[in-house]
Structure formats: C-alpha cells, structure tokens
Protein backbone atom coordinates (compact mmCIF):
# COMPACT_ATOMS: atom_id res chain seq x y z
CA MET A 1 0.01 -0.04 0.22
CA LYS A 2 2.71 2.39 0.70
CA LYS A 3 4.49 1.62 -2.20
CA ARG A 4 1.44 2.64 -4.18
CA VAL A 5 0.57 6.11 -2.16
CA GLY A 6 4.29 6.71 -3.26
CA ILE A 7 4.05 5.96 -6.89
CA ILE A 8 1.30 8.55 -7.02
CA ILE A 9 2.86 10.45 -5.63
CA LEU A 10 5.75 10.21 -7.92
CA VAL A 11 3.41 10.79 -10.60
CA LEU A 12 1.53 13.75 -9.52
CA LEU A 13 4.99 15.28 -9.01
CA LEU A 14 6.27 14.49 -12.60
CA LEU A 15 2.57 16.07 -13.65
CA ILE A 16 3.48 19.35 -11.80
CA LEU A 17 6.86 19.80 -12.99
CA ALA A 18 5.74 18.68 -16.72
CA GLY A 19 2.78 21.65 -16.56
CA GLY A 20 5.26 23.87 -15.11
CA GLY A 21 7.66 23.31 -17.52
CA ALA A 22 4.58 23.81 -20.47
CA ALA A 23 4.09 27.19 -19.11
CA PHE A 24 6.91 28.34 -18.87
CA TYR A 25 7.81 27.55 -22.41
CA TYR A 26 5.07 28.61 -23.74
CA TYR A 27 5.26 32.09 -21.58
CA TYR A 28 8.98 32.26 -23.24
CA SER A 29 8.09 31.71 -26.57
CA LYS A 30 5.20 34.03 -26.70
CA TYR A 31 6.71 37.12 -24.66
CA ILE A 32 10.55 36.69 -24.26
CA ASN A 33 12.25 34.86 -27.48
CA ILE A 34 10.08 36.93 -30.11
CA ASP A 35 11.06 38.53 -33.37
CA ALA A 36 9.38 41.98 -32.25
CA ILE A 37 9.97 44.58 -30.68
CA TYR A 38 8.20 44.11 -26.86
CA PRO A 39 4.55 45.63 -25.76
CA GLY A 40 4.63 48.97 -24.96
CA MET A 41 8.14 50.18 -26.50
CA THR A 42 7.87 53.96 -27.74
CA ILE A 43 10.02 56.24 -29.53
CA GLN A 44 9.17 59.65 -29.28
CA GLY A 45 5.35 58.91 -28.02
CA MET A 46 4.98 56.51 -31.31
CA SER A 47 4.19 52.99 -30.23
CA VAL A 48 6.38 50.65 -31.72
CA GLY A 49 5.75 47.26 -29.19
CA GLY A 50 4.65 44.61 -31.32
CA MET A 51 6.83 45.35 -34.63
CA THR A 52 9.63 44.21 -36.42
CA GLN A 53 13.11 46.38 -36.45
CA GLU A 54 12.19 46.58 -40.17
CA GLU A 55 8.86 48.02 -39.19
CA ALA A 56 9.74 50.37 -36.70
CA LYS A 57 12.40 51.48 -39.09
CA ALA A 58 10.44 52.88 -41.17
CA LYS A 59 7.86 54.53 -38.72
CA VAL A 60 10.42 56.49 -37.68
CA GLN A 61 11.60 57.30 -40.72
CA GLU A 62 8.08 58.42 -41.71
CA TYR A 63 8.07 60.38 -38.67
CA ILE A 64 11.24 61.89 -39.84
CA ASP A 65 10.49 62.73 -43.21
CA LYS A 66 6.98 64.16 -41.64
CA VAL A 67 8.44 66.38 -39.23
CA SER A 68 11.95 67.68 -41.67
CA GLN A 69 9.02 68.99 -44.08
CA GLU A 70 7.31 71.12 -41.10
CA THR A 71 7.77 74.98 -41.99
CA VAL A 72 9.51 77.64 -39.66
CA THR A 73 8.44 81.26 -40.37
CA LEU A 74 11.38 84.28 -39.26
CA GLN A 75 10.22 87.41 -39.16
CA VAL A 76 12.44 90.48 -38.92
CA LYS A 77 10.72 93.56 -38.40
CA LYS A 78 8.66 93.64 -42.21
CA LYS A 79 10.81 91.11 -43.70
CA GLU A 80 9.66 87.52 -43.32
CA SER A 81 10.91 84.29 -44.43
CA THR A 82 9.78 80.81 -44.31
CA PHE A 83 11.97 77.64 -44.04
CA ALA A 84 10.90 74.02 -44.26
CA LEU A 85 13.54 72.31 -41.23
CA SER A 86 15.01 70.00 -43.42
CA ASP A 87 16.51 73.18 -45.39
CA ILE A 88 17.95 74.93 -41.92
CA GLY A 89 19.79 71.37 -41.23
CA LEU A 90 17.24 69.26 -39.18
CA LYS A 91 18.40 65.74 -39.24
CA CYS A 92 17.81 62.85 -36.90
CA THR A 93 21.47 61.93 -35.41
CA ASN A 94 20.22 58.69 -33.63
CA MET A 95 18.81 56.17 -35.95
CA ASP A 96 20.42 53.41 -34.32
CA VAL A 97 17.20 53.82 -31.89
CA VAL A 98 15.52 50.59 -32.54
CA GLU A 99 18.34 48.46 -32.21
CA ILE A 100 18.51 50.24 -28.79
CA LEU A 101 15.51 49.46 -27.85
CA GLU A 102 15.95 45.66 -28.78
CA ARG A 103 19.01 45.31 -26.63
CA GLN A 104 17.71 46.80 -24.22
CA GLY A 105 14.78 45.08 -23.01
CA MET A 106 11.04 45.82 -21.61
CA SER A 107 11.59 49.19 -19.80
CA LEU A 108 12.97 51.60 -22.17
CA SER A 109 11.01 54.70 -23.91
CA VAL A 110 13.48 56.44 -26.34
CA SER A 111 13.36 60.05 -27.42
CA LEU A 112 14.92 61.47 -30.96
CA LYS A 113 17.02 64.31 -30.77
C-alpha cells in the first residue's frame, strides 16, 4: 500500500513539473523570445511594440520625413522668410534607436534628438 501511495505521489509530482515546464515554454516563446520589439515600447511617443525592427525603422523614418517638411517662419521687422526644417539642417542623429530598444529590453522608452 505504501508503495502504491509513493508511486501516485511521484506521478503527481511529474505531472506538476511537466505542466510548469509547458507553462514556462509557452510564456518564454510568446513574450520573451520573439522577433519583435516588446509590447509597450515607444519612440518619441510612437508605439513600436510588437513591430519588427524593419517596421519600426520605417515608422521612425516616416516621422522624420513628416517633421522635416514642417516649416518655420522667421520675421524680422517687416521681412518674413519661411524655411522647411530640412532646409535649415534638421536631421536625426540617432537612427540606431530601434536597435537600442531591442537590446535594452522591456523597460525603455527612447526619444529622438
């Protein structure tokens, strides 16, 4: 009788261990070992979580292109000149921001400068 109880306890422990291993594998493959940027990551307020590196780079480039076309108006006395930001030297100096996000993990939000 003691032998049977021991075998039942051993089988239950093995089932619990197998279930825990399966749960860990599921969590790891779904949330940790992914080919995308972690959920909740932002660049300059833009959500890039769940995107691939290429998708995030395209979104950042689209933002830079949009901002570069915005204009600034300079007015001195009665003279006024309007310039696109790209014409006066606006550029992104840290285009590796997407790689930084992937390396740093889940707790980083980056601003473009």
